[in-house]
Amino acid sequence: MEKLDTLVTEHLLERLFKPERVAAILASLSSRRAEKAATLNNRLLALQREMTDADSKLKRLYRLIEDGVTDADEVLKDRLNELKADRDRAKAALERAKEHSAPQGHIDPAIIERFGHTLCESFKNGSVPFRKAYLRSLIDVVEVDDRQIRIKGRKELLEKAVLASRSGQSWCSQMSTRWRARRDSNS
């Protein structure tokens, strides 16, 4: 088991925790977010148009009633209620969509470099429980076969770890808590 631990640790140090690799992973995350942001912006514009259209239709109907062109009969009241509901639905959807829009952040390469070096040092000199905590929090799956080691994880977690290192927070303690909360065989 110690040999496997050494192999995985060396692979992480050689491949994943290199600042260039961390930067590439975060760049792909950023481009994926940019695509999502563009889609979200299109959705926001469509909802804004929908809300504006419903609002202008309501104003026109109100003007007709105020000018005495038509009476407020049951059909017109139903139509007014429909337009109000459409406007309110579009407004609520617009507000929800705005909540999901996240500002695009750029991580300074110096921070990525410092994070990579700090993590490498911690892995080289850190204890096995420390390495386990980091592995379990940053990495979902480590697949080892005769020729290759494949490491799979969520880029968002790596980004959070880099950002936490920027602000000087100890992200390890948060990861350690998450690792223990799983109630696996190590708890």
N, C-alpha and C. Protein backbone atom coordinates (compact mmCIF):
# COMPACT_ATOMS: atom_id res chain seq x y z
N MET A 1 0.82 -1.19 0.00
CA MET A 1 0.00 0.00 0.00
C MET A 1 0.87 1.26 0.00
N GLU A 2 2.02 1.16 0.66
CA GLU A 2 2.92 2.31 0.70
C GLU A 2 3.47 2.62 -0.70
N LYS A 3 3.69 1.58 -1.50
CA LYS A 3 4.18 1.79 -2.86
C LYS A 3 3.13 2.52 -3.69
N LEU A 4 1.87 2.13 -3.54
CA LEU A 4 0.78 2.79 -4.27
C LEU A 4 0.65 4.24 -3.81
N ASP A 5 0.76 4.47 -2.52
CA ASP A 5 0.70 5.83 -1.99
C ASP A 5 1.82 6.68 -2.57
N THR A 6 3.00 6.12 -2.65
CA THR A 6 4.14 6.83 -3.22
C THR A 6 3.93 7.13 -4.69
N LEU A 7 3.43 6.14 -5.44
CA LEU A 7 3.17 6.34 -6.87
C LEU A 7 2.15 7.45 -7.10
N VAL A 8 1.06 7.41 -6.39
CA VAL A 8 0.02 8.43 -6.56
C VAL A 8 0.55 9.80 -6.16
N THR A 9 1.26 9.86 -5.05
CA THR A 9 1.81 11.14 -4.60
C THR A 9 2.79 11.70 -5.62
N GLU A 10 3.68 10.86 -6.13
CA GLU A 10 4.63 11.32 -7.14
C GLU A 10 3.92 11.79 -8.39
N HIS A 11 2.89 11.06 -8.80
CA HIS A 11 2.13 11.45 -9.99
C HIS A 11 1.47 12.81 -9.77
N LEU A 12 0.91 13.01 -8.59
CA LEU A 12 0.29 14.30 -8.29
C LEU A 12 1.32 15.42 -8.33
N LEU A 13 2.47 15.19 -7.76
CA LEU A 13 3.51 16.20 -7.73
C LEU A 13 4.04 16.50 -9.13
N GLU A 14 4.19 15.47 -9.94
CA GLU A 14 4.74 15.65 -11.28
C GLU A 14 3.73 16.25 -12.26
N ARG A 15 2.47 15.91 -12.10
CA ARG A 15 1.47 16.30 -13.10
C ARG A 15 0.49 17.35 -12.63
N LEU A 16 -0.23 17.05 -11.59
CA LEU A 16 -1.37 17.88 -11.22
C LEU A 16 -0.97 19.17 -10.51
N PHE A 17 -0.05 19.12 -9.59
CA PHE A 17 0.25 20.29 -8.78
C PHE A 17 1.29 21.21 -9.38
N LYS A 18 1.71 20.96 -10.59
CA LYS A 18 2.60 21.89 -11.27
C LYS A 18 1.79 23.15 -11.58
N PRO A 19 2.36 24.31 -11.35
CA PRO A 19 1.62 25.56 -11.60
C PRO A 19 1.06 25.67 -13.02
N GLU A 20 1.80 25.16 -14.00
CA GLU A 20 1.32 25.22 -15.39
C GLU A 20 0.05 24.39 -15.56
N ARG A 21 0.01 23.23 -14.92
CA ARG A 21 -1.15 22.34 -15.03
C ARG A 21 -2.34 22.94 -14.28
N VAL A 22 -2.10 23.49 -13.11
CA VAL A 22 -3.18 24.13 -12.35
C VAL A 22 -3.74 25.29 -13.16
N ALA A 23 -2.85 26.08 -13.78
CA ALA A 23 -3.29 27.22 -14.59
C ALA A 23 -4.12 26.74 -15.79
N ALA A 24 -3.71 25.64 -16.42
CA ALA A 24 -4.46 25.11 -17.56
C ALA A 24 -5.84 24.61 -17.14
N ILE A 25 -5.91 23.94 -16.00
CA ILE A 25 -7.19 23.45 -15.49
C ILE A 25 -8.12 24.63 -15.19
N LEU A 26 -7.59 25.64 -14.53
CA LEU A 26 -8.40 26.80 -14.19
C LEU A 26 -8.80 27.59 -15.43
N ALA A 27 -7.94 27.61 -16.46
CA ALA A 27 -8.29 28.29 -17.72
C ALA A 27 -9.45 27.59 -18.41
N SER A 28 -9.45 26.26 -18.39
CA SER A 28 -10.57 25.53 -19.01
C SER A 28 -11.86 25.76 -18.23
N LEU A 29 -11.75 25.86 -16.92
CA LEU A 29 -12.91 26.18 -16.09
C LEU A 29 -13.43 27.57 -16.43
N SER A 30 -12.52 28.50 -16.59
CA SER A 30 -12.89 29.87 -16.91
C SER A 30 -13.58 29.96 -18.28
N SER A 31 -13.08 29.23 -19.26
CA SER A 31 -13.70 29.26 -20.59
C SER A 31 -15.08 28.62 -20.56
N ARG A 32 -15.23 27.57 -19.78
CA ARG A 32 -16.55 26.94 -19.65
C ARG A 32 -17.53 27.89 -18.97
N ARG A 33 -17.05 28.61 -17.98
CA ARG A 33 -17.89 29.60 -17.32
C ARG A 33 -18.26 30.74 -18.26
N ALA A 34 -17.33 31.14 -19.11
CA ALA A 34 -17.61 32.21 -20.07
C ALA A 34 -18.71 31.79 -21.04
N GLU A 35 -18.68 30.53 -21.47
CA GLU A 35 -19.74 30.03 -22.35
C GLU A 35 -21.09 30.03 -21.63
N LYS A 36 -21.08 29.58 -20.38
CA LYS A 36 -22.32 29.59 -19.60
C LYS A 36 -22.82 31.01 -19.38
N ALA A 37 -21.89 31.94 -19.15
CA ALA A 37 -22.27 33.34 -18.94
C ALA A 37 -22.91 33.92 -20.20
N ALA A 38 -22.38 33.57 -21.36
CA ALA A 38 -22.96 34.06 -22.62
C ALA A 38 -24.38 33.53 -22.79
N THR A 39 -24.57 32.25 -22.49
CA THR A 39 -25.90 31.66 -22.57
C THR A 39 -26.84 32.33 -21.58
N LEU A 40 -26.34 32.55 -20.39
CA LEU A 40 -27.16 33.20 -19.36
C LEU A 40 -27.51 34.62 -19.76
N ASN A 41 -26.57 35.34 -20.34
CA ASN A 41 -26.85 36.70 -20.79
C ASN A 41 -27.95 36.73 -21.84
N ASN A 42 -27.90 35.77 -22.78
CA ASN A 42 -28.96 35.67 -23.78
C ASN A 42 -30.31 35.41 -23.12
N ARG A 43 -30.30 34.55 -22.14
CA ARG A 43 -31.54 34.25 -21.40
C ARG A 43 -32.04 35.49 -20.65
N LEU A 44 -31.13 36.23 -20.04
CA LEU A 44 -31.51 37.45 -19.34
C LEU A 44 -32.13 38.47 -20.29
N LEU A 45 -31.52 38.61 -21.46
CA LEU A 45 -32.07 39.55 -22.45
C LEU A 45 -33.46 39.13 -22.90
N ALA A 46 -33.65 37.83 -23.14
CA ALA A 46 -34.96 37.34 -23.56
C ALA A 46 -36.01 37.58 -22.47
N LEU A 47 -35.65 37.32 -21.23
CA LEU A 47 -36.59 37.55 -20.12
C LEU A 47 -36.89 39.04 -19.96
N GLN A 48 -35.88 39.86 -20.14
CA GLN A 48 -36.09 41.30 -20.04
C GLN A 48 -37.05 41.78 -21.13
N ARG A 49 -36.87 41.27 -22.36
CA ARG A 49 -37.78 41.61 -23.46
C ARG A 49 -39.20 41.14 -23.17
N GLU A 50 -39.29 39.93 -22.67
CA GLU A 50 -40.60 39.36 -22.33
C GLU A 50 -41.31 40.22 -21.29
N MET A 51 -40.58 40.63 -20.28
CA MET A 51 -41.17 41.45 -19.22
C MET A 51 -41.57 42.83 -19.77
N THR A 52 -40.73 43.41 -20.60
CA THR A 52 -41.02 44.72 -21.19
C THR A 52 -42.22 44.65 -22.12
N ASP A 53 -42.30 43.59 -22.91
CA ASP A 53 -43.46 43.42 -23.81
C ASP A 53 -44.76 43.32 -23.03
N ALA A 54 -44.75 42.49 -22.00
CA ALA A 54 -45.96 42.34 -21.19
C ALA A 54 -46.34 43.66 -20.53
N ASP A 55 -45.35 44.38 -20.08
CA ASP A 55 -45.60 45.66 -19.43
C ASP A 55 -46.18 46.68 -20.42
N SER A 56 -45.63 46.73 -21.63
CA SER A 56 -46.14 47.68 -22.63
C SER A 56 -47.56 47.31 -23.07
N LYS A 57 -47.85 46.03 -23.18
CA LYS A 57 -49.22 45.60 -23.53
C LYS A 57 -50.20 46.02 -22.43
N LEU A 58 -49.78 45.85 -21.19
CA LEU A 58 -50.64 46.27 -20.08
C LEU A 58 -50.90 47.78 -20.14
N LYS A 59 -49.87 48.55 -20.41
CA LYS A 59 -50.03 50.00 -20.48
C LYS A 59 -50.98 50.40 -21.60
N ARG A 60 -50.86 49.71 -22.75
CA ARG A 60 -51.77 50.02 -23.86
C ARG A 60 -53.22 49.71 -23.49
N LEU A 61 -53.43 48.57 -22.84
CA LEU A 61 -54.79 48.22 -22.43
C LEU A 61 -55.33 49.22 -21.41
N TYR A 62 -54.50 49.60 -20.45
CA TYR A 62 -54.93 50.58 -19.46
C TYR A 62 -55.30 51.91 -20.14
N ARG A 63 -54.48 52.30 -21.14
CA ARG A 63 -54.74 53.55 -21.86
C ARG A 63 -56.09 53.48 -22.59
N LEU A 64 -56.38 52.32 -23.20
CA LEU A 64 -57.67 52.16 -23.89
C LEU A 64 -58.84 52.34 -22.92
N ILE A 65 -58.69 51.77 -21.74
CA ILE A 65 -59.75 51.89 -20.73
C ILE A 65 -59.85 53.34 -20.25
N GLU A 66 -58.70 53.97 -19.97
CA GLU A 66 -58.70 55.34 -19.49
C GLU A 66 -59.28 56.32 -20.51
N ASP A 67 -58.97 56.09 -21.80
CA ASP A 67 -59.45 56.97 -22.86
C ASP A 67 -60.92 56.70 -23.20
N GLY A 68 -61.49 55.68 -22.63
CA GLY A 68 -62.89 55.37 -22.87
C GLY A 68 -63.15 54.66 -24.18
N VAL A 69 -62.10 54.14 -24.82
CA VAL A 69 -62.27 53.43 -26.09
C VAL A 69 -62.98 52.10 -25.86
N THR A 70 -62.74 51.50 -24.73
CA THR A 70 -63.36 50.20 -24.43
C THR A 70 -63.75 50.15 -22.96
N ASP A 71 -64.64 49.23 -22.67
CA ASP A 71 -65.05 49.03 -21.28
C ASP A 71 -64.28 47.85 -20.70
N ALA A 72 -64.17 47.84 -19.40
CA ALA A 72 -63.48 46.75 -18.71
C ALA A 72 -64.45 45.59 -18.52
N ASP A 73 -64.68 44.83 -19.59
CA ASP A 73 -65.57 43.67 -19.47
C ASP A 73 -64.78 42.46 -18.98
N GLU A 74 -65.43 41.32 -18.88
CA GLU A 74 -64.79 40.10 -18.33
C GLU A 74 -63.64 39.62 -19.21
N VAL A 75 -63.78 39.71 -20.53
CA VAL A 75 -62.72 39.26 -21.44
C VAL A 75 -61.48 40.13 -21.26
N LEU A 76 -61.72 41.44 -21.17
CA LEU A 76 -60.60 42.35 -20.99
C LEU A 76 -59.95 42.16 -19.61
N LYS A 77 -60.73 41.91 -18.60
CA LYS A 77 -60.19 41.66 -17.26
C LYS A 77 -59.34 40.39 -17.26
N ASP A 78 -59.83 39.36 -17.95
CA ASP A 78 -59.05 38.12 -18.06
C ASP A 78 -57.72 38.37 -18.77
N ARG A 79 -57.78 39.16 -19.83
CA ARG A 79 -56.56 39.47 -20.59
C ARG A 79 -55.58 40.28 -19.72
N LEU A 80 -56.09 41.21 -18.96
CA LEU A 80 -55.24 41.98 -18.05
C LEU A 80 -54.58 41.08 -17.01
N ASN A 81 -55.34 40.16 -16.48
CA ASN A 81 -54.79 39.22 -15.50
C ASN A 81 -53.72 38.32 -16.12
N GLU A 82 -53.95 37.88 -17.37
CA GLU A 82 -52.96 37.06 -18.08
C GLU A 82 -51.66 37.84 -18.27
N LEU A 83 -51.79 39.09 -18.72
CA LEU A 83 -50.59 39.90 -18.95
C LEU A 83 -49.85 40.18 -17.65
N LYS A 84 -50.59 40.45 -16.58
CA LYS A 84 -49.95 40.66 -15.28
C LYS A 84 -49.19 39.41 -14.84
N ALA A 85 -49.83 38.25 -15.03
CA ALA A 85 -49.18 36.99 -14.65
C ALA A 85 -47.93 36.75 -15.49
N ASP A 86 -48.02 37.04 -16.81
CA ASP A 86 -46.85 36.88 -17.69
C ASP A 86 -45.71 37.79 -17.25
N ARG A 87 -46.05 39.05 -16.96
CA ARG A 87 -45.04 40.01 -16.52
C ARG A 87 -44.40 39.56 -15.21
N ASP A 88 -45.22 39.13 -14.26
CA ASP A 88 -44.70 38.70 -12.97
C ASP A 88 -43.84 37.44 -13.09
N ARG A 89 -44.26 36.53 -13.96
CA ARG A 89 -43.49 35.30 -14.18
C ARG A 89 -42.13 35.63 -14.80
N ALA A 90 -42.14 36.52 -15.80
CA ALA A 90 -40.88 36.92 -16.45
C ALA A 90 -39.98 37.65 -15.46
N LYS A 91 -40.57 38.49 -14.62
CA LYS A 91 -39.79 39.23 -13.63
C LYS A 91 -39.14 38.29 -12.62
N ALA A 92 -39.92 37.31 -12.15
CA ALA A 92 -39.38 36.34 -11.19
C ALA A 92 -38.27 35.50 -11.82
N ALA A 93 -38.48 35.08 -13.07
CA ALA A 93 -37.45 34.29 -13.76
C ALA A 93 -36.19 35.12 -13.97
N LEU A 94 -36.37 36.41 -14.28
CA LEU A 94 -35.24 37.30 -14.48
C LEU A 94 -34.45 37.45 -13.18
N GLU A 95 -35.13 37.61 -12.09
CA GLU A 95 -34.45 37.74 -10.79
C GLU A 95 -33.70 36.47 -10.42
N ARG A 96 -34.32 35.31 -10.68
CA ARG A 96 -33.63 34.04 -10.39
C ARG A 96 -32.39 33.88 -11.27
N ALA A 97 -32.53 34.24 -12.54
CA ALA A 97 -31.40 34.12 -13.46
C ALA A 97 -30.26 35.06 -13.05
N LYS A 98 -30.60 36.24 -12.58
CA LYS A 98 -29.56 37.18 -12.14
C LYS A 98 -28.83 36.66 -10.91
N GLU A 99 -29.54 35.93 -10.05
CA GLU A 99 -28.90 35.35 -8.87
C GLU A 99 -27.85 34.32 -9.25
N HIS A 100 -28.09 33.62 -10.37
CA HIS A 100 -27.16 32.57 -10.78
C HIS A 100 -25.97 33.11 -11.56
N SER A 101 -26.03 34.35 -11.96
CA SER A 101 -24.90 34.90 -12.71
C SER A 101 -23.79 35.22 -11.72
N ALA A 102 -22.64 34.66 -11.98
CA ALA A 102 -21.49 34.85 -11.09
C ALA A 102 -20.47 35.73 -11.79
N PRO A 103 -19.83 36.63 -11.06
CA PRO A 103 -18.82 37.47 -11.69
C PRO A 103 -17.61 36.62 -12.11
N GLN A 104 -17.07 36.95 -13.25
CA GLN A 104 -15.91 36.23 -13.74
C GLN A 104 -14.67 36.74 -13.00
N GLY A 105 -13.94 35.83 -12.42
CA GLY A 105 -12.74 36.21 -11.68
C GLY A 105 -11.51 35.71 -12.39
N HIS A 106 -10.45 36.46 -12.25
CA HIS A 106 -9.18 36.06 -12.83
C HIS A 106 -8.21 35.80 -11.68
N ILE A 107 -7.54 34.69 -11.75
CA ILE A 107 -6.58 34.34 -10.71
C ILE A 107 -5.18 34.65 -11.22
N ASP A 108 -4.48 35.43 -10.46
CA ASP A 108 -3.14 35.86 -10.82
C ASP A 108 -2.20 34.64 -10.93
N PRO A 109 -1.40 34.56 -11.98
CA PRO A 109 -0.46 33.44 -12.13
C PRO A 109 0.49 33.27 -10.95
N ALA A 110 0.83 34.37 -10.30
CA ALA A 110 1.73 34.28 -9.13
C ALA A 110 1.05 33.51 -8.00
N ILE A 111 -0.26 33.70 -7.86
CA ILE A 111 -1.00 32.97 -6.82
C ILE A 111 -1.04 31.49 -7.15
N ILE A 112 -1.25 31.17 -8.42
CA ILE A 112 -1.27 29.76 -8.85
C ILE A 112 0.09 29.13 -8.61
N GLU A 113 1.13 29.86 -8.95
CA GLU A 113 2.49 29.35 -8.75
C GLU A 113 2.75 29.09 -7.27
N ARG A 114 2.41 30.05 -6.42
CA ARG A 114 2.62 29.90 -4.98
C ARG A 114 1.81 28.73 -4.44
N PHE A 115 0.56 28.60 -4.92
CA PHE A 115 -0.28 27.48 -4.49
C PHE A 115 0.35 26.15 -4.87
N GLY A 116 0.81 26.03 -6.12
CA GLY A 116 1.43 24.79 -6.58
C GLY A 116 2.66 24.42 -5.77
N HIS A 117 3.51 25.41 -5.53
CA HIS A 117 4.74 25.14 -4.75
C HIS A 117 4.42 24.79 -3.30
N THR A 118 3.46 25.50 -2.72
CA THR A 118 3.08 25.21 -1.34
C THR A 118 2.51 23.81 -1.22
N LEU A 119 1.66 23.46 -2.17
CA LEU A 119 1.05 22.13 -2.14
C LEU A 119 2.10 21.04 -2.34
N CYS A 120 3.03 21.26 -3.26
CA CYS A 120 4.10 20.28 -3.47
C CYS A 120 4.92 20.09 -2.20
N GLU A 121 5.27 21.18 -1.57
CA GLU A 121 6.04 21.09 -0.32
C GLU A 121 5.24 20.36 0.76
N SER A 122 3.98 20.68 0.85
CA SER A 122 3.13 20.03 1.85
C SER A 122 3.02 18.54 1.59
N PHE A 123 2.95 18.17 0.31
CA PHE A 123 2.85 16.75 -0.01
C PHE A 123 4.17 16.02 0.22
N LYS A 124 5.26 16.69 -0.05
CA LYS A 124 6.55 16.05 0.15
C LYS A 124 6.85 15.86 1.64
N ASN A 125 6.50 16.86 2.44
CA ASN A 125 6.87 16.85 3.84
C ASN A 125 5.70 16.57 4.78
N GLY A 126 4.49 16.56 4.26
CA GLY A 126 3.32 16.40 5.11
C GLY A 126 3.06 14.96 5.50
N SER A 127 2.20 14.82 6.46
CA SER A 127 1.87 13.49 6.94
C SER A 127 0.88 12.80 6.00
N VAL A 128 0.74 11.51 6.17
CA VAL A 128 -0.20 10.74 5.35
C VAL A 128 -1.64 11.22 5.58
N PRO A 129 -2.08 11.49 6.81
CA PRO A 129 -3.45 12.00 6.98
C PRO A 129 -3.67 13.33 6.25
N PHE A 130 -2.66 14.19 6.23
CA PHE A 130 -2.77 15.45 5.49
C PHE A 130 -2.99 15.16 4.00
N ARG A 131 -2.16 14.29 3.45
CA ARG A 131 -2.28 13.97 2.02
C ARG A 131 -3.63 13.36 1.71
N LYS A 132 -4.08 12.47 2.58
CA LYS A 132 -5.40 11.84 2.39
C LYS A 132 -6.50 12.90 2.39
N ALA A 133 -6.41 13.83 3.33
CA ALA A 133 -7.43 14.88 3.42
C ALA A 133 -7.46 15.70 2.14
N TYR A 134 -6.30 16.07 1.66
CA TYR A 134 -6.25 16.85 0.42
C TYR A 134 -6.74 16.04 -0.76
N LEU A 135 -6.30 14.79 -0.83
CA LEU A 135 -6.73 13.95 -1.95
C LEU A 135 -8.24 13.78 -1.97
N ARG A 136 -8.82 13.49 -0.83
CA ARG A 136 -10.26 13.25 -0.78
C ARG A 136 -11.08 14.51 -1.04
N SER A 137 -10.53 15.65 -0.75
CA SER A 137 -11.29 16.87 -0.94
C SER A 137 -11.12 17.45 -2.35
N LEU A 138 -9.97 17.29 -2.95
CA LEU A 138 -9.74 17.82 -4.29
C LEU A 138 -10.01 16.82 -5.39
N ILE A 139 -9.89 15.54 -5.07
CA ILE A 139 -9.93 14.51 -6.10
C ILE A 139 -11.07 13.55 -5.81
N ASP A 140 -11.87 13.28 -6.84
CA ASP A 140 -12.99 12.36 -6.68
C ASP A 140 -12.55 10.91 -6.85
N VAL A 141 -11.71 10.66 -7.87
CA VAL A 141 -11.33 9.28 -8.20
C VAL A 141 -9.86 9.25 -8.61
N VAL A 142 -9.14 8.26 -8.11
CA VAL A 142 -7.79 7.97 -8.58
C VAL A 142 -7.83 6.55 -9.12
N GLU A 143 -7.61 6.43 -10.43
CA GLU A 143 -7.62 5.11 -11.07
C GLU A 143 -6.18 4.74 -11.40
N VAL A 144 -5.76 3.58 -10.94
CA VAL A 144 -4.40 3.12 -11.17
C VAL A 144 -4.46 1.79 -11.90
N ASP A 145 -3.74 1.73 -13.03
CA ASP A 145 -3.59 0.44 -13.71
C ASP A 145 -2.11 0.20 -13.94
N ASP A 146 -1.77 -0.78 -14.75
CA ASP A 146 -0.38 -1.16 -14.94
C ASP A 146 0.47 -0.05 -15.56
N ARG A 147 -0.13 0.78 -16.40
CA ARG A 147 0.64 1.76 -17.14
C ARG A 147 0.31 3.21 -16.81
N GLN A 148 -0.80 3.45 -16.17
CA GLN A 148 -1.26 4.82 -16.06
C GLN A 148 -1.97 5.09 -14.73
N ILE A 149 -1.87 6.32 -14.30
CA ILE A 149 -2.65 6.78 -13.15
C ILE A 149 -3.54 7.91 -13.66
N ARG A 150 -4.85 7.76 -13.49
CA ARG A 150 -5.81 8.78 -13.90
C ARG A 150 -6.41 9.40 -12.65
N ILE A 151 -6.40 10.72 -12.64
CA ILE A 151 -6.92 11.47 -11.50
C ILE A 151 -8.09 12.30 -11.99
N LYS A 152 -9.23 12.14 -11.33
CA LYS A 152 -10.43 12.87 -11.73
C LYS A 152 -10.96 13.64 -10.53
N GLY A 153 -11.30 14.88 -10.78
CA GLY A 153 -11.85 15.71 -9.72
C GLY A 153 -12.58 16.89 -10.30
N ARG A 154 -13.14 17.69 -9.43
CA ARG A 154 -13.89 18.86 -9.86
C ARG A 154 -12.99 20.09 -9.87
N LYS A 155 -13.01 20.77 -10.97
CA LYS A 155 -12.17 21.95 -11.14
C LYS A 155 -12.57 23.06 -10.18
N GLU A 156 -13.84 23.12 -9.86
CA GLU A 156 -14.32 24.16 -8.95
C GLU A 156 -13.65 24.05 -7.57
N LEU A 157 -13.43 22.81 -7.13
CA LEU A 157 -12.77 22.62 -5.83
C LEU A 157 -11.32 23.07 -5.87
N LEU A 158 -10.67 22.80 -6.98
CA LEU A 158 -9.29 23.25 -7.14
C LEU A 158 -9.24 24.77 -7.14
N GLU A 159 -10.19 25.38 -7.82
CA GLU A 159 -10.26 26.85 -7.85
C GLU A 159 -10.48 27.41 -6.45
N LYS A 160 -11.36 26.79 -5.69
CA LYS A 160 -11.61 27.25 -4.32
C LYS A 160 -10.35 27.14 -3.47
N ALA A 161 -9.60 26.07 -3.65
CA ALA A 161 -8.36 25.90 -2.89
C ALA A 161 -7.35 26.97 -3.25
N VAL A 162 -7.24 27.28 -4.55
CA VAL A 162 -6.31 28.32 -4.99
C VAL A 162 -6.75 29.67 -4.43
N LEU A 163 -8.03 29.96 -4.51
CA LEU A 163 -8.53 31.24 -4.00
C LEU A 163 -8.35 31.35 -2.49
N ALA A 164 -8.54 30.25 -1.79
CA ALA A 164 -8.33 30.26 -0.34
C ALA A 164 -6.86 30.51 -0.01
N SER A 165 -5.97 29.97 -0.81
CA SER A 165 -4.55 30.21 -0.57
C SER A 165 -4.19 31.67 -0.83
N ARG A 166 -4.91 32.31 -1.74
CA ARG A 166 -4.66 33.72 -2.05
C ARG A 166 -4.97 34.59 -0.85
N SER A 167 -6.07 34.28 -0.18
CA SER A 167 -6.47 35.11 0.95
C SER A 167 -5.81 34.67 2.25
N GLY A 168 -4.95 33.67 2.17
CA GLY A 168 -4.23 33.23 3.35
C GLY A 168 -5.02 32.28 4.23
N GLN A 169 -6.18 31.85 3.76
CA GLN A 169 -6.98 30.93 4.57
C GLN A 169 -6.37 29.54 4.52
N SER A 170 -6.60 28.80 5.55
CA SER A 170 -6.16 27.41 5.56
C SER A 170 -7.29 26.54 5.05
N TRP A 171 -7.23 26.22 3.78
CA TRP A 171 -8.32 25.45 3.19
C TRP A 171 -8.23 24.00 3.62
N CYS A 172 -7.08 23.59 4.08
CA CYS A 172 -6.88 22.20 4.49
C CYS A 172 -7.83 21.82 5.61
N SER A 173 -8.03 22.70 6.56
CA SER A 173 -8.90 22.35 7.68
C SER A 173 -10.33 22.16 7.22
N GLN A 174 -10.75 22.97 6.23
CA GLN A 174 -12.09 22.79 5.68
C GLN A 174 -12.17 21.45 4.95
N MET A 175 -11.11 21.13 4.24
CA MET A 175 -11.12 19.87 3.51
C MET A 175 -11.10 18.70 4.47
N SER A 176 -10.35 18.83 5.52
CA SER A 176 -10.27 17.76 6.48
C SER A 176 -11.64 17.46 7.08
N THR A 177 -12.40 18.51 7.37
CA THR A 177 -13.74 18.33 7.91
C THR A 177 -14.62 17.61 6.91
N ARG A 178 -14.53 18.03 5.64
CA ARG A 178 -15.35 17.40 4.60
C ARG A 178 -14.96 15.93 4.46
N TRP A 179 -13.69 15.64 4.55
CA TRP A 179 -13.22 14.28 4.39
C TRP A 179 -13.78 13.41 5.51
N ARG A 180 -13.76 13.89 6.74
CA ARG A 180 -14.25 13.10 7.86
C ARG A 180 -15.77 12.95 7.85
N ALA A 181 -16.44 13.89 7.24
CA ALA A 181 -17.92 13.88 7.26
C ALA A 181 -18.49 12.75 6.42
N ARG A 182 -17.70 12.12 5.60
CA ARG A 182 -18.21 11.05 4.74
C ARG A 182 -18.56 9.77 5.49
N ARG A 183 -18.00 9.61 6.64
CA ARG A 183 -18.23 8.41 7.45
C ARG A 183 -17.77 7.13 6.73
N ASP A 184 -16.62 7.22 6.10
CA ASP A 184 -16.08 6.02 5.44
C ASP A 184 -15.27 5.21 6.45
N SER A 185 -14.47 4.31 5.95
CA SER A 185 -13.76 3.40 6.83
C SER A 185 -12.68 4.09 7.66
N ASN A 186 -12.32 5.33 7.31
CA ASN A 186 -11.25 6.04 8.02
C ASN A 186 -11.77 6.88 9.19
N SER A 187 -13.07 6.95 9.38
CA SER A 187 -13.57 7.84 10.43
C SER A 187 -13.61 7.16 11.77
